[in-house]
Amino acid sequence: MSLKPFLWAVLAGVSFTAHAANAEPVAFDHIGVQAGKTIESCYREPCSSVKVLEFDLLDKSADSAMLGLTLTDPADTSNDKWKVFVNCSIDSPTVIFGRQTSILPINPEMALAGVLQSTYALYAAACHGGYEDEMQLASKFGYNVADW
């Protein structure tokens, strides 16, 4: 069974604030999640980090990209790995890890809650090539996703 229809069904049920109809499509940059890259977030001690083992561009349209990533903890010697899906979208920026679906409320008015900082770091690396302040990213690309 393909996961792609399931993932799109999950994302279709998500409510979000609409992206401006006249906005230019965003050219998403996936350089931050190529195989071998490490993504780190230091919102709190200890810092969290993941290493990308595999990168798959599962689907792409004019205004979104669905990525499949295989990640591991670079500090863990057990060689555990897990699959994460990232939906790069100005309207519905989403990270899916197991049964947890996180829609990131990226907007220029409000910083993300601390609990979402590691998820945001992964999203920013996957969709914009790297981590930057989420409010600046919102202004730069036109994110205006309402807080849930």
Foldseek 3Di string as FASTA:
>chain_A
DDCVVVVVVVVVPDDWDDFDPPDAADDWDQQLQDAQHKFWDPLDPPIFIKGWHHWDFPDDDSFKTKIKTWIDGPVDPPPDIFIKIFIDGLTFTWIDGPPDIDTFQQALPDFGDPVCRSVQQVSCCRTPVGDDGSNVVCVVRVRHTDDD
